């Protein structure tokens, strides 16, 4: 089983959401269908980026890092085509 860290971008206000899950397709559908309270007001979303991990602890640690100040710098270092905010 893989665990995924993912970055979503709101098509409504271009904000980013970072999370982790063991079922990326299902979780993405939940975000876009309004099943997640945290992301419901900013739907719809597009998937910008994801990484796969072999265990939950590594995925959770990566999620926490990406949500930190240093992690935000890492996100901003991704190719600009992923972070287009027009």
PDB file of N, CA and C in Angstrom:
ATOM      1  N   UNK A   1       0.845  -1.179   0.000  1.00  0.00           N
ATOM      2  CA  UNK A   1       0.000   0.000   0.000  1.00  0.00           C
ATOM      3  C   UNK A   1       0.890   1.241   0.000  1.00  0.00           C
ATOM      4  N   UNK A   2       0.465   2.219  -0.766  1.00  0.00           N
ATOM      5  CA  UNK A   2       1.155   3.501  -0.804  1.00  0.00           C
ATOM      6  C   UNK A   2       0.352   4.549  -0.046  1.00  0.00           C
ATOM      7  N   UNK A   3       1.054   5.560   0.417  1.00  0.00           N
ATOM      8  CA  UNK A   3       0.441   6.746   1.016  1.00  0.00           C
ATOM      9  C   UNK A   3       0.886   7.938   0.177  1.00  0.00           C
ATOM     10  N   UNK A   4      -0.024   8.855  -0.029  1.00  0.00           N
ATOM     11  CA  UNK A   4       0.231   9.968  -0.931  1.00  0.00           C
ATOM     12  C   UNK A   4       0.118  11.301  -0.204  1.00  0.00           C
ATOM     13  N   UNK A   5       1.064  12.178  -0.481  1.00  0.00           N
ATOM     14  CA  UNK A   5       0.970  13.580  -0.075  1.00  0.00           C
ATOM     15  C   UNK A   5       0.587  14.324  -1.337  1.00  0.00           C
ATOM     16  N   UNK A   6      -0.390  15.207  -1.223  1.00  0.00           N
ATOM     17  CA  UNK A   6      -0.895  15.868  -2.424  1.00  0.00           C
ATOM     18  C   UNK A   6      -1.105  17.353  -2.183  1.00  0.00           C
ATOM     19  N   UNK A   7      -1.073  18.087  -3.279  1.00  0.00           N
ATOM     20  CA  UNK A   7      -1.347  19.525  -3.243  1.00  0.00           C
ATOM     21  C   UNK A   7      -2.480  19.795  -4.220  1.00  0.00           C
ATOM     22  N   UNK A   8      -3.545  20.387  -3.698  1.00  0.00           N
ATOM     23  CA  UNK A   8      -4.683  20.783  -4.521  1.00  0.00           C
ATOM     24  C   UNK A   8      -4.681  22.298  -4.665  1.00  0.00           C
ATOM     25  N   UNK A   9      -5.230  22.763  -5.776  1.00  0.00           N
ATOM     26  CA  UNK A   9      -5.408  24.204  -5.961  1.00  0.00           C
ATOM     27  C   UNK A   9      -6.876  24.488  -6.218  1.00  0.00           C
ATOM     28  N   UNK A  10      -7.416  25.419  -5.459  1.00  0.00           N
ATOM     29  CA  UNK A  10      -8.802  25.835  -5.630  1.00  0.00           C
ATOM     30  C   UNK A  10      -8.944  26.592  -6.941  1.00  0.00           C
ATOM     31  N   UNK A  11      -9.936  26.218  -7.727  1.00  0.00           N
ATOM     32  CA  UNK A  11     -10.219  26.941  -8.961  1.00  0.00           C
ATOM     33  C   UNK A  11     -11.010  28.212  -8.671  1.00  0.00           C
ATOM     34  N   UNK A  12     -11.511  28.305  -7.456  1.00  0.00           N
ATOM     35  CA  UNK A  12     -12.297  29.470  -7.051  1.00  0.00           C
ATOM     36  C   UNK A  12     -11.406  30.649  -6.664  1.00  0.00           C
ATOM     37  N   UNK A  13     -10.408  30.399  -5.787  1.00  0.00           N
ATOM     38  CA  UNK A  13      -9.561  31.504  -5.325  1.00  0.00           C
ATOM     39  C   UNK A  13      -8.060  31.238  -5.460  1.00  0.00           C
ATOM     40  N   UNK A  14      -7.690  30.125  -6.098  1.00  0.00           N
ATOM     41  CA  UNK A  14      -6.291  29.751  -6.367  1.00  0.00           C
ATOM     42  C   UNK A  14      -5.501  29.382  -5.116  1.00  0.00           C
ATOM     43  N   UNK A  15      -6.166  29.221  -3.976  1.00  0.00           N
ATOM     44  CA  UNK A  15      -5.464  28.816  -2.756  1.00  0.00           C
ATOM     45  C   UNK A  15      -5.028  27.360  -2.868  1.00  0.00           C
ATOM     46  N   UNK A  16      -4.037  26.988  -2.057  1.00  0.00           N
ATOM     47  CA  UNK A  16      -3.512  25.626  -2.059  1.00  0.00           C
ATOM     48  C   UNK A  16      -3.976  24.880  -0.820  1.00  0.00           C
ATOM     49  N   UNK A  17      -4.173  23.569  -0.979  1.00  0.00           N
ATOM     50  CA  UNK A  17      -4.504  22.689   0.137  1.00  0.00           C
ATOM     51  C   UNK A  17      -3.531  21.523   0.085  1.00  0.00           C
ATOM     52  N   UNK A  18      -2.931  21.173   1.217  1.00  0.00           N
ATOM     53  CA  UNK A  18      -1.976  20.074   1.312  1.00  0.00           C
ATOM     54  C   UNK A  18      -2.560  19.015   2.227  1.00  0.00           C
ATOM     55  N   UNK A  19      -2.496  17.761   1.797  1.00  0.00           N
ATOM     56  CA  UNK A  19      -3.004  16.672   2.620  1.00  0.00           C
ATOM     57  C   UNK A  19      -2.284  15.370   2.322  1.00  0.00           C
ATOM     58  N   UNK A  20      -2.666  14.315   3.048  1.00  0.00           N
ATOM     59  CA  UNK A  20      -2.135  12.987   2.741  1.00  0.00           C
ATOM     60  C   UNK A  20      -3.245  11.968   2.884  1.00  0.00           C
ATOM     61  N   UNK A  21      -3.098  10.855   2.162  1.00  0.00           N
ATOM     62  CA  UNK A  21      -4.132   9.833   2.124  1.00  0.00           C
ATOM     63  C   UNK A  21      -3.549   8.521   1.612  1.00  0.00           C
ATOM     64  N   UNK A  22      -4.283   7.436   1.814  1.00  0.00           N
ATOM     65  CA  UNK A  22      -3.883   6.156   1.234  1.00  0.00           C
ATOM     66  C   UNK A  22      -4.648   5.876  -0.060  1.00  0.00           C
ATOM     67  N   UNK A  23      -5.645   6.685  -0.368  1.00  0.00           N
ATOM     68  CA  UNK A  23      -6.433   6.511  -1.595  1.00  0.00           C
ATOM     69  C   UNK A  23      -6.616   7.875  -2.264  1.00  0.00           C
ATOM     70  N   UNK A  24      -5.696   8.212  -3.132  1.00  0.00           N
ATOM     71  CA  UNK A  24      -5.662   9.549  -3.721  1.00  0.00           C
ATOM     72  C   UNK A  24      -6.901   9.849  -4.565  1.00  0.00           C
ATOM     73  N   UNK A  25      -7.322   8.907  -5.391  1.00  0.00           N
ATOM     74  CA  UNK A  25      -8.500   9.149  -6.241  1.00  0.00           C
ATOM     75  C   UNK A  25      -9.752   9.407  -5.403  1.00  0.00           C
ATOM     76  N   UNK A  26      -9.951   8.574  -4.396  1.00  0.00           N
ATOM     77  CA  UNK A  26     -11.125   8.728  -3.532  1.00  0.00           C
ATOM     78  C   UNK A  26     -11.090  10.065  -2.791  1.00  0.00           C
ATOM     79  N   UNK A  27      -9.928  10.414  -2.250  1.00  0.00           N
ATOM     80  CA  UNK A  27      -9.819  11.654  -1.479  1.00  0.00           C
ATOM     81  C   UNK A  27     -10.033  12.879  -2.364  1.00  0.00           C
ATOM     82  N   UNK A  28      -9.514  12.843  -3.580  1.00  0.00           N
ATOM     83  CA  UNK A  28      -9.710  13.945  -4.519  1.00  0.00           C
ATOM     84  C   UNK A  28     -11.201  14.126  -4.821  1.00  0.00           C
ATOM     85  N   UNK A  29     -11.896  13.024  -5.028  1.00  0.00           N
ATOM     86  CA  UNK A  29     -13.346  13.090  -5.272  1.00  0.00           C
ATOM     87  C   UNK A  29     -14.078  13.658  -4.055  1.00  0.00           C
ATOM     88  N   UNK A  30     -13.643  13.278  -2.853  1.00  0.00           N
ATOM     89  CA  UNK A  30     -14.265  13.803  -1.633  1.00  0.00           C
ATOM     90  C   UNK A  30     -14.094  15.319  -1.533  1.00  0.00           C
ATOM     91  N   UNK A  31     -12.917  15.803  -1.849  1.00  0.00           N
ATOM     92  CA  UNK A  31     -12.689  17.252  -1.812  1.00  0.00           C
ATOM     93  C   UNK A  31     -13.610  17.962  -2.799  1.00  0.00           C
ATOM     94  N   UNK A  32     -13.731  17.438  -3.995  1.00  0.00           N
ATOM     95  CA  UNK A  32     -14.525  18.112  -5.029  1.00  0.00           C
ATOM     96  C   UNK A  32     -16.027  17.929  -4.868  1.00  0.00           C
ATOM     97  N   UNK A  33     -16.443  16.927  -4.106  1.00  0.00           N
ATOM     98  CA  UNK A  33     -17.882  16.715  -3.906  1.00  0.00           C
ATOM     99  C   UNK A  33     -18.397  17.399  -2.638  1.00  0.00           C
ATOM    100  N   UNK A  34     -17.505  18.022  -1.867  1.00  0.00           N
ATOM    101  CA  UNK A  34     -17.920  18.735  -0.667  1.00  0.00           C
ATOM    102  C   UNK A  34     -17.945  17.894   0.586  1.00  0.00           C
ATOM    103  N   UNK A  35     -17.360  16.706   0.555  1.00  0.00           N
ATOM    104  CA  UNK A  35     -17.347  15.830   1.726  1.00  0.00           C
ATOM    105  C   UNK A  35     -16.300  16.241   2.762  1.00  0.00           C
ATOM    106  N   UNK A  36     -15.415  17.149   2.405  1.00  0.00           N
ATOM    107  CA  UNK A  36     -14.406  17.650   3.335  1.00  0.00           C
ATOM    108  C   UNK A  36     -14.799  19.056   3.774  1.00  0.00           C
ATOM    109  N   UNK A  37     -15.046  19.231   5.070  1.00  0.00           N
ATOM    110  CA  UNK A  37     -15.469  20.527   5.598  1.00  0.00           C
ATOM    111  C   UNK A  37     -14.432  21.624   5.331  1.00  0.00           C
ATOM    112  N   UNK A  38     -13.153  21.270   5.434  1.00  0.00           N
ATOM    113  CA  UNK A  38     -12.094  22.274   5.292  1.00  0.00           C
ATOM    114  C   UNK A  38     -12.009  22.851   3.886  1.00  0.00           C
ATOM    115  N   UNK A  39     -12.350  22.047   2.888  1.00  0.00           N
ATOM    116  CA  UNK A  39     -12.180  22.502   1.506  1.00  0.00           C
ATOM    117  C   UNK A  39     -13.491  22.805   0.790  1.00  0.00           C
ATOM    118  N   UNK A  40     -14.609  22.492   1.401  1.00  0.00           N
ATOM    119  CA  UNK A  40     -15.911  22.651   0.746  1.00  0.00           C
ATOM    120  C   UNK A  40     -16.147  24.053   0.162  1.00  0.00           C
ATOM    121  N   UNK A  41     -15.859  25.129   0.887  1.00  0.00           N
ATOM    122  CA  UNK A  41     -16.192  26.464   0.351  1.00  0.00           C
ATOM    123  C   UNK A  41     -15.359  26.886  -0.865  1.00  0.00           C
ATOM    124  N   UNK A  42     -14.271  26.172  -1.129  1.00  0.00           N
ATOM    125  CA  UNK A  42     -13.341  26.613  -2.169  1.00  0.00           C
ATOM    126  C   UNK A  42     -13.337  25.709  -3.401  1.00  0.00           C
ATOM    127  N   UNK A  43     -14.323  24.843  -3.512  1.00  0.00           N
ATOM    128  CA  UNK A  43     -14.425  23.937  -4.658  1.00  0.00           C
ATOM    129  C   UNK A  43     -14.683  24.718  -5.935  1.00  0.00           C
ATOM    130  N   UNK A  44     -14.333  24.156  -7.070  1.00  0.00           N
ATOM    131  CA  UNK A  44     -13.661  22.881  -7.336  1.00  0.00           C
ATOM    132  C   UNK A  44     -12.132  23.002  -7.213  1.00  0.00           C
ATOM    133  N   UNK A  45     -11.495  21.844  -7.176  1.00  0.00           N
ATOM    134  CA  UNK A  45     -10.045  21.760  -7.053  1.00  0.00           C
ATOM    135  C   UNK A  45      -9.443  21.040  -8.242  1.00  0.00           C
ATOM    136  N   UNK A  46      -8.172  21.344  -8.487  1.00  0.00           N
ATOM    137  CA  UNK A  46      -7.394  20.527  -9.414  1.00  0.00           C
ATOM    138  C   UNK A  46      -6.192  20.000  -8.643  1.00  0.00           C
ATOM    139  N   UNK A  47      -5.747  18.825  -9.032  1.00  0.00           N
ATOM    140  CA  UNK A  47      -4.583  18.209  -8.401  1.00  0.00           C
ATOM    141  C   UNK A  47      -3.334  18.777  -9.064  1.00  0.00           C
ATOM    142  N   UNK A  48      -2.508  19.458  -8.274  1.00  0.00           N
ATOM    143  CA  UNK A  48      -1.283  20.057  -8.808  1.00  0.00           C
ATOM    144  C   UNK A  48      -0.101  19.116  -8.745  1.00  0.00           C
ATOM    145  N   UNK A  49      -0.019  18.337  -7.652  1.00  0.00           N
ATOM    146  CA  UNK A  49       1.210  17.607  -7.368  1.00  0.00           C
ATOM    147  C   UNK A  49       0.912  16.504  -6.365  1.00  0.00           C
ATOM    148  N   UNK A  50       1.620  15.380  -6.495  1.00  0.00           N
ATOM    149  CA  UNK A  50       1.551  14.357  -5.453  1.00  0.00           C
ATOM    150  C   UNK A  50       2.851  13.581  -5.400  1.00  0.00           C
ATOM    151  N   UNK A  51       3.118  12.988  -4.238  1.00  0.00           N
ATOM    152  CA  UNK A  51       4.263  12.117  -4.014  1.00  0.00           C
ATOM    153  C   UNK A  51       3.753  10.853  -3.339  1.00  0.00           C
ATOM    154  N   UNK A  52       4.365   9.713  -3.649  1.00  0.00           N
ATOM    155  CA  UNK A  52       3.977   8.440  -3.045  1.00  0.00           C
ATOM    156  C   UNK A  52       5.032   8.000  -2.030  1.00  0.00           C
ATOM    157  N   UNK A  53       4.552   7.420  -0.918  1.00  0.00           N
ATOM    158  CA  UNK A  53       5.423   6.936   0.150  1.00  0.00           C
ATOM    159  C   UNK A  53       5.026   5.510   0.507  1.00  0.00           C
ATOM    160  N   UNK A  54       5.992   4.754   1.008  1.00  0.00           N
ATOM    161  CA  UNK A  54       5.737   3.364   1.367  1.00  0.00           C
ATOM    162  C   UNK A  54       5.093   3.207   2.734  1.00  0.00           C
ATOM    163  N   UNK A  55       5.162   4.241   3.572  1.00  0.00           N
ATOM    164  CA  UNK A  55       4.520   4.128   4.878  1.00  0.00           C
ATOM    165  C   UNK A  55       3.864   5.441   5.284  1.00  0.00           C
ATOM    166  N   UNK A  56       2.896   5.325   6.177  1.00  0.00           N
ATOM    167  CA  UNK A  56       2.083   6.459   6.615  1.00  0.00           C
ATOM    168  C   UNK A  56       2.911   7.518   7.347  1.00  0.00           C
ATOM    169  N   UNK A  57       3.849   7.090   8.159  1.00  0.00           N
ATOM    170  CA  UNK A  57       4.644   8.034   8.946  1.00  0.00           C
ATOM    171  C   UNK A  57       5.447   8.964   8.041  1.00  0.00           C
ATOM    172  N   UNK A  58       6.075   8.416   7.006  1.00  0.00           N
ATOM    173  CA  UNK A  58       6.837   9.261   6.082  1.00  0.00           C
ATOM    174  C   UNK A  58       5.924  10.240   5.354  1.00  0.00           C
ATOM    175  N   UNK A  59       4.745   9.780   4.957  1.00  0.00           N
ATOM    176  CA  UNK A  59       3.794  10.663   4.270  1.00  0.00           C
ATOM    177  C   UNK A  59       3.337  11.781   5.199  1.00  0.00           C
ATOM    178  N   UNK A  60       3.013  11.446   6.430  1.00  0.00           N
ATOM    179  CA  UNK A  60       2.565  12.455   7.393  1.00  0.00           C
ATOM    180  C   UNK A  60       3.670  13.472   7.667  1.00  0.00           C
ATOM    181  N   UNK A  61       4.900  12.995   7.819  1.00  0.00           N
ATOM    182  CA  UNK A  61       6.023  13.907   8.044  1.00  0.00           C
ATOM    183  C   UNK A  61       6.218  14.852   6.862  1.00  0.00           C
ATOM    184  N   UNK A  62       6.055  14.345   5.655  1.00  0.00           N
ATOM    185  CA  UNK A  62       6.189  15.192   4.461  1.00  0.00           C
ATOM    186  C   UNK A  62       5.058  16.226   4.414  1.00  0.00           C
ATOM    187  N   UNK A  63       3.850  15.812   4.764  1.00  0.00           N
ATOM    188  CA  UNK A  63       2.724  16.749   4.800  1.00  0.00           C
ATOM    189  C   UNK A  63       3.009  17.883   5.791  1.00  0.00           C
ATOM    190  N   UNK A  64       3.459  17.531   6.982  1.00  0.00           N
ATOM    191  CA  UNK A  64       3.769  18.536   8.005  1.00  0.00           C
ATOM    192  C   UNK A  64       4.863  19.475   7.497  1.00  0.00           C
ATOM    193  N   UNK A  65       5.881  18.915   6.860  1.00  0.00           N
ATOM    194  CA  UNK A  65       6.960  19.747   6.317  1.00  0.00           C
ATOM    195  C   UNK A  65       6.430  20.715   5.261  1.00  0.00           C
ATOM    196  N   UNK A  66       5.624  20.225   4.321  1.00  0.00           N
ATOM    197  CA  UNK A  66       5.119  21.091   3.251  1.00  0.00           C
ATOM    198  C   UNK A  66       4.225  22.205   3.782  1.00  0.00           C
ATOM    199  N   UNK A  67       3.609  21.980   4.928  1.00  0.00           N
ATOM    200  CA  UNK A  67       2.769  23.012   5.540  1.00  0.00           C
ATOM    201  C   UNK A  67       3.588  24.022   6.347  1.00  0.00           C
ATOM    202  N   UNK A  68       4.877  23.747   6.539  1.00  0.00           N
ATOM    203  CA  UNK A  68       5.750  24.655   7.293  1.00  0.00           C
ATOM    204  C   UNK A  68       6.267  25.765   6.376  1.00  0.00           C
ATOM    205  N   UNK A  69       6.939  26.735   6.961  1.00  0.00           N
ATOM    206  CA  UNK A  69       7.529  27.818   6.179  1.00  0.00           C
ATOM    207  C   UNK A  69       8.540  27.317   5.163  1.00  0.00           C
ATOM    208  N   UNK A  70       9.398  26.380   5.591  1.00  0.00           N
ATOM    209  CA  UNK A  70      10.380  25.827   4.667  1.00  0.00           C
ATOM    210  C   UNK A  70       9.694  25.022   3.567  1.00  0.00           C
ATOM    211  N   UNK A  71       8.648  24.319   3.948  1.00  0.00           N
ATOM    212  CA  UNK A  71       7.906  23.540   2.960  1.00  0.00           C
ATOM    213  C   UNK A  71       7.235  24.414   1.921  1.00  0.00           C
ATOM    214  N   UNK A  72       6.714  25.547   2.349  1.00  0.00           N
ATOM    215  CA  UNK A  72       6.095  26.490   1.397  1.00  0.00           C
ATOM    216  C   UNK A  72       7.128  26.976   0.384  1.00  0.00           C
ATOM    217  N   UNK A  73       8.380  27.145   0.843  1.00  0.00           N
ATOM    218  CA  UNK A  73       9.447  27.517  -0.094  1.00  0.00           C
ATOM    219  C   UNK A  73       9.695  26.391  -1.091  1.00  0.00           C
ATOM    220  N   UNK A  74       9.624  25.154  -0.621  1.00  0.00           N
ATOM    221  CA  UNK A  74       9.775  24.005  -1.511  1.00  0.00           C
ATOM    222  C   UNK A  74       8.665  24.002  -2.553  1.00  0.00           C
ATOM    223  N   UNK A  75       7.443  24.245  -2.112  1.00  0.00           N
ATOM    224  CA  UNK A  75       6.305  24.285  -3.038  1.00  0.00           C
ATOM    225  C   UNK A  75       6.509  25.387  -4.071  1.00  0.00           C
ATOM    226  N   UNK A  76       6.960  26.540  -3.625  1.00  0.00           N
ATOM    227  CA  UNK A  76       7.197  27.647  -4.552  1.00  0.00           C
ATOM    228  C   UNK A  76       8.328  27.353  -5.526  1.00  0.00           C
ATOM    229  N   UNK A  77       9.181  26.373  -5.200  1.00  0.00           N
ATOM    230  CA  UNK A  77      10.264  25.972  -6.085  1.00  0.00           C
ATOM    231  C   UNK A  77       9.845  24.961  -7.143  1.00  0.00           C
ATOM    232  N   UNK A  78       8.607  24.489  -7.072  1.00  0.00           N
ATOM    233  CA  UNK A  78       8.114  23.569  -8.100  1.00  0.00           C
ATOM    234  C   UNK A  78       8.050  24.299  -9.433  1.00  0.00           C
ATOM    235  N   UNK A  79       8.127  23.565 -10.524  1.00  0.00           N
ATOM    236  CA  UNK A  79       8.013  24.226 -11.834  1.00  0.00           C
ATOM    237  C   UNK A  79       6.774  25.114 -11.895  1.00  0.00           C
ATOM    238  N   UNK A  80       6.941  26.294 -12.434  1.00  0.00           N
ATOM    239  CA  UNK A  80       5.871  27.297 -12.451  1.00  0.00           C
ATOM    240  C   UNK A  80       4.618  26.813 -13.172  1.00  0.00           C
ATOM    241  N   UNK A  81       4.748  25.867 -14.090  1.00  0.00           N
ATOM    242  CA  UNK A  81       3.557  25.372 -14.793  1.00  0.00           C
ATOM    243  C   UNK A  81       2.586  24.697 -13.829  1.00  0.00           C
ATOM    244  N   UNK A  82       3.090  24.177 -12.693  1.00  0.00           N
ATOM    245  CA  UNK A  82       2.215  23.545 -11.710  1.00  0.00           C
ATOM    246  C   UNK A  82       1.501  24.564 -10.834  1.00  0.00           C
ATOM    247  N   UNK A  83       2.121  25.703 -10.639  1.00  0.00           N
ATOM    248  CA  UNK A  83       1.612  26.686  -9.687  1.00  0.00           C
ATOM    249  C   UNK A  83       1.006  27.909 -10.360  1.00  0.00           C
ATOM    250  N   UNK A  84       0.583  27.762 -11.576  1.00  0.00           N
ATOM    251  CA  UNK A  84       0.013  28.888 -12.316  1.00  0.00           C
ATOM    252  C   UNK A  84      -1.219  29.401 -11.583  1.00  0.00           C
ATOM    253  N   UNK A  85      -1.209  30.667 -11.240  1.00  0.00           N
ATOM    254  CA  UNK A  85      -2.297  31.250 -10.454  1.00  0.00           C
ATOM    255  C   UNK A  85      -2.895  32.452 -11.165  1.00  0.00           C
ATOM    256  N   UNK A  86      -3.405  32.247 -12.368  1.00  0.00           N
ATOM    257  CA  UNK A  86      -4.007  33.364 -13.095  1.00  0.00           C
ATOM    258  C   UNK A  86      -5.483  33.440 -12.907  1.00  0.00           C
TER     259      UNK A  86
END
